[in-house]
Every structure is written in structure tokens, then in C-alpha cells.
N, C-alpha and C. Protein backbone atom coordinates (compact mmCIF):
# COMPACT_ATOMS: atom_id res chain seq x y z
N MET A 1 -33.64 -17.52 45.44
CA MET A 1 -32.79 -17.22 44.14
C MET A 1 -32.54 -15.66 44.07
N ALA A 2 -31.39 -15.64 43.84
CA ALA A 2 -30.98 -13.97 43.77
C ALA A 2 -31.16 -13.62 42.47
N THR A 3 -31.72 -12.37 42.30
CA THR A 3 -31.81 -11.85 40.73
C THR A 3 -30.72 -10.81 40.66
N MET A 4 -30.33 -10.75 39.54
CA MET A 4 -29.14 -9.70 38.87
C MET A 4 -30.04 -8.49 38.38
N GLN A 5 -29.66 -7.23 38.87
CA GLN A 5 -30.34 -6.31 38.34
C GLN A 5 -29.23 -5.57 37.18
N ASN A 6 -29.69 -5.31 36.20
CA ASN A 6 -28.79 -4.67 35.09
C ASN A 6 -29.03 -3.18 35.10
N SER A 7 -28.01 -2.53 35.49
CA SER A 7 -28.18 -1.14 35.36
C SER A 7 -27.42 -0.36 34.04
N PHE A 8 -27.04 -1.29 33.26
CA PHE A 8 -26.11 -0.81 32.12
C PHE A 8 -27.06 -0.42 31.12
N ALA A 9 -27.03 0.67 30.62
CA ALA A 9 -27.70 1.24 29.51
C ALA A 9 -27.13 1.18 28.25
N PRO A 10 -27.71 0.37 27.35
CA PRO A 10 -26.86 -0.05 26.09
C PRO A 10 -26.71 1.31 25.34
N GLU A 11 -25.65 1.39 24.49
CA GLU A 11 -25.09 2.45 23.94
C GLU A 11 -25.49 2.24 22.22
N TYR A 12 -25.76 3.09 21.40
CA TYR A 12 -26.29 3.03 20.18
C TYR A 12 -25.34 3.88 19.34
N PHE A 13 -24.62 3.18 18.29
CA PHE A 13 -23.91 3.94 17.38
C PHE A 13 -24.27 4.04 16.02
N GLU A 14 -24.16 5.15 15.43
CA GLU A 14 -24.70 5.33 14.06
C GLU A 14 -23.70 5.10 13.00
N VAL A 15 -23.77 4.19 12.15
CA VAL A 15 -22.69 3.87 11.32
C VAL A 15 -22.87 4.89 9.98
N ILE A 16 -21.65 5.59 9.68
CA ILE A 16 -21.92 6.47 8.52
C ILE A 16 -20.64 5.99 7.27
N HIS A 17 -21.23 5.94 6.27
CA HIS A 17 -20.45 5.63 5.23
C HIS A 17 -19.32 6.65 4.98
N PRO A 18 -17.96 6.34 4.74
CA PRO A 18 -16.93 7.33 4.49
C PRO A 18 -17.34 8.28 3.54
N LEU A 19 -18.02 8.06 2.52
CA LEU A 19 -18.33 8.99 1.31
C LEU A 19 -19.49 9.91 1.82
N ASN A 20 -20.25 9.65 2.74
CA ASN A 20 -21.26 10.51 3.38
C ASN A 20 -20.79 11.28 4.61
N ASP A 21 -19.58 10.84 5.11
CA ASP A 21 -18.94 11.63 6.39
C ASP A 21 -18.51 13.21 5.95
N VAL A 22 -18.27 13.78 6.95
CA VAL A 22 -17.87 15.22 6.98
C VAL A 22 -16.35 15.06 6.52
N ALA A 23 -15.84 16.02 5.72
CA ALA A 23 -14.52 15.80 5.47
C ALA A 23 -13.53 16.40 6.43
N GLU A 24 -12.18 15.74 6.69
CA GLU A 24 -11.52 16.04 7.93
C GLU A 24 -10.38 16.90 7.33
N GLN A 25 -9.74 17.78 8.07
CA GLN A 25 -8.59 18.48 7.91
C GLN A 25 -7.49 17.72 7.42
N LYS A 26 -6.85 17.81 6.46
CA LYS A 26 -5.63 16.86 6.15
C LYS A 26 -4.32 17.43 6.60
N CYS A 27 -3.53 16.66 6.91
CA CYS A 27 -2.25 17.06 7.36
C CYS A 27 -1.43 17.79 6.36
N SER A 28 -0.71 18.96 6.47
CA SER A 28 0.20 19.29 5.48
C SER A 28 1.50 18.84 5.61
N SER A 29 2.22 18.50 4.47
CA SER A 29 3.67 17.97 4.45
C SER A 29 4.52 19.13 3.99
N GLU A 30 3.99 20.15 3.93
CA GLU A 30 4.62 21.48 3.29
C GLU A 30 5.77 21.80 4.25
N GLY A 31 7.04 21.97 3.90
CA GLY A 31 8.12 22.32 4.80
C GLY A 31 8.85 21.16 5.75
N LEU A 32 8.53 20.02 5.56
CA LEU A 32 9.03 19.01 6.45
C LEU A 32 10.35 18.47 6.04
N GLY A 33 10.69 18.64 4.83
CA GLY A 33 12.00 18.23 4.39
C GLY A 33 12.16 16.86 3.99
N HIS A 34 13.55 16.54 3.80
CA HIS A 34 13.68 14.92 3.40
C HIS A 34 13.89 14.09 4.54
N ILE A 35 13.53 12.95 4.38
CA ILE A 35 13.52 12.02 5.53
C ILE A 35 15.04 11.29 5.33
N ALA A 36 15.81 11.22 6.48
CA ALA A 36 17.01 10.49 6.48
C ALA A 36 16.97 8.95 6.40
N MET A 37 17.70 8.31 5.29
CA MET A 37 17.71 6.88 5.18
C MET A 37 18.87 6.46 5.76
N THR A 38 18.67 5.31 6.53
CA THR A 38 19.63 4.51 7.15
C THR A 38 20.33 3.62 5.94
N PRO A 39 21.61 3.07 6.03
CA PRO A 39 22.16 2.30 5.21
C PRO A 39 21.45 1.33 4.81
N ALA A 40 20.81 0.44 5.74
CA ALA A 40 19.84 -0.89 5.45
C ALA A 40 18.80 -0.40 4.60
N VAL A 41 18.16 0.70 4.89
CA VAL A 41 16.99 1.06 4.06
C VAL A 41 17.31 1.44 2.62
N ARG A 42 18.69 2.23 2.46
CA ARG A 42 19.05 2.30 1.22
C ARG A 42 19.49 1.25 0.44
N ILE A 43 20.10 0.23 1.21
CA ILE A 43 20.27 -1.04 0.40
C ILE A 43 18.92 -1.76 0.03
N SER A 44 18.14 -1.68 0.83
CA SER A 44 16.99 -2.51 0.58
C SER A 44 16.14 -1.85 -0.52
N LEU A 45 16.14 -0.73 -0.80
CA LEU A 45 15.51 -0.15 -1.74
C LEU A 45 16.26 -0.23 -3.11
N THR A 46 17.57 -0.28 -2.97
CA THR A 46 18.41 -0.51 -4.16
C THR A 46 17.99 -1.94 -4.87
N VAL A 47 18.11 -3.00 -3.84
CA VAL A 47 17.78 -4.15 -4.19
C VAL A 47 16.57 -4.56 -4.80
N LEU A 48 15.35 -3.79 -4.09
CA LEU A 48 14.04 -3.68 -4.73
C LEU A 48 14.02 -3.13 -6.15
N ARG A 49 14.74 -1.95 -6.28
CA ARG A 49 14.66 -1.46 -7.54
C ARG A 49 15.30 -2.29 -8.69
N GLY A 50 16.55 -2.99 -8.28
CA GLY A 50 16.99 -3.91 -9.15
C GLY A 50 16.09 -5.18 -9.25
N TYR A 51 15.22 -5.50 -8.62
CA TYR A 51 14.34 -6.74 -8.64
C TYR A 51 13.19 -6.28 -9.49
N LEU A 52 12.76 -5.02 -9.51
CA LEU A 52 11.76 -4.67 -10.35
C LEU A 52 12.19 -4.42 -11.77
N ILE A 53 13.42 -3.99 -11.96
CA ILE A 53 13.94 -3.79 -13.20
C ILE A 53 14.12 -5.04 -13.97
N LEU A 54 14.85 -6.16 -13.23
CA LEU A 54 14.81 -7.40 -13.76
C LEU A 54 13.55 -7.95 -14.02
N MET A 55 12.40 -7.99 -13.10
CA MET A 55 11.28 -8.46 -13.49
C MET A 55 10.60 -7.85 -14.86
N THR A 56 10.56 -6.53 -14.92
CA THR A 56 10.32 -5.95 -15.94
C THR A 56 10.98 -6.28 -17.35
N LEU A 57 12.16 -6.57 -17.36
CA LEU A 57 12.88 -7.11 -18.47
C LEU A 57 12.55 -8.58 -18.87
N MET A 58 12.33 -9.22 -17.82
CA MET A 58 11.73 -10.68 -18.11
C MET A 58 10.33 -10.66 -18.67
N LEU A 59 9.57 -9.69 -18.01
CA LEU A 59 8.23 -9.69 -18.74
C LEU A 59 8.22 -9.39 -20.21
N GLY A 60 9.10 -8.36 -20.31
CA GLY A 60 9.10 -7.84 -21.79
C GLY A 60 9.84 -8.98 -22.66
N TYR A 61 10.88 -9.86 -22.28
CA TYR A 61 11.33 -10.96 -22.92
C TYR A 61 10.19 -11.87 -23.30
N HIS A 62 9.46 -12.16 -22.31
CA HIS A 62 8.40 -13.22 -22.32
C HIS A 62 7.23 -12.60 -23.43
N VAL A 63 7.01 -11.42 -23.22
CA VAL A 63 5.96 -10.87 -24.29
C VAL A 63 6.44 -10.92 -25.69
N LEU A 64 7.66 -10.63 -25.93
CA LEU A 64 8.34 -10.56 -27.09
C LEU A 64 8.31 -12.08 -27.66
N ASP A 65 8.86 -13.09 -26.77
CA ASP A 65 8.92 -14.47 -27.13
C ASP A 65 7.35 -14.97 -27.72
N LEU A 66 6.35 -14.62 -26.86
CA LEU A 66 5.07 -14.69 -27.28
C LEU A 66 4.62 -14.24 -28.50
N ALA A 67 5.22 -13.21 -28.94
CA ALA A 67 4.76 -12.44 -30.00
C ALA A 67 5.48 -13.07 -31.25
N GLY A 68 6.57 -13.77 -31.09
CA GLY A 68 7.45 -14.40 -31.96
C GLY A 68 8.41 -13.60 -32.61
N VAL A 69 8.98 -12.41 -31.86
CA VAL A 69 10.02 -11.65 -32.21
C VAL A 69 11.24 -12.33 -31.68
N VAL A 70 11.32 -12.81 -30.71
CA VAL A 70 12.55 -13.37 -30.25
C VAL A 70 13.09 -14.45 -31.29
N HIS A 71 12.21 -15.27 -31.77
CA HIS A 71 12.62 -16.44 -32.64
C HIS A 71 13.14 -15.88 -33.89
N SER A 72 12.62 -14.80 -34.33
CA SER A 72 13.22 -14.30 -35.72
C SER A 72 14.74 -13.66 -35.54
N ILE A 73 15.07 -13.42 -34.24
CA ILE A 73 16.54 -12.79 -34.16
C ILE A 73 17.35 -13.77 -33.96
N ARG A 74 17.24 -14.92 -33.36
CA ARG A 74 18.09 -16.17 -33.54
C ARG A 74 18.54 -16.57 -34.76
């Protein structure tokens, strides 16, 4: 029967919590300027803005309805 020799030495890693780790140098965005938006990105952001405004208005209406303010207006 052939025997297999294992010459692999296991590596050990020390796990360090991010709060206890040494702070790294952050990248500076100073002097980068504006990023050019493609028309598709501009349309997507406009649609997202409209959606968020609509949802905010619907939430406001629902809160006013639950508070009983909407029923007194009708």
C-alpha cells in the first residue's frame, strides 16, 4: 500500500475586527470634477425622482387620512 506524504504546511490567519484594525489612507475626491451622465442615466434618475416624490405624496395623504384630516375637507 502506498503512503501519501503531505508536505503542505497549513497557514494560519489572524482575524481582526474592523474597529480594531489600523486605519487606512482614504482616497481624496478633491479636484475630480463632475461625472458625465449619459441620457439613459439622466432619464433613469428623473424617473426615480418622480417615483420618490409620488410615493412621498401618497404617504402624506395616507397619514392625513388616518389622522382624519382628509375626511373633514370633503
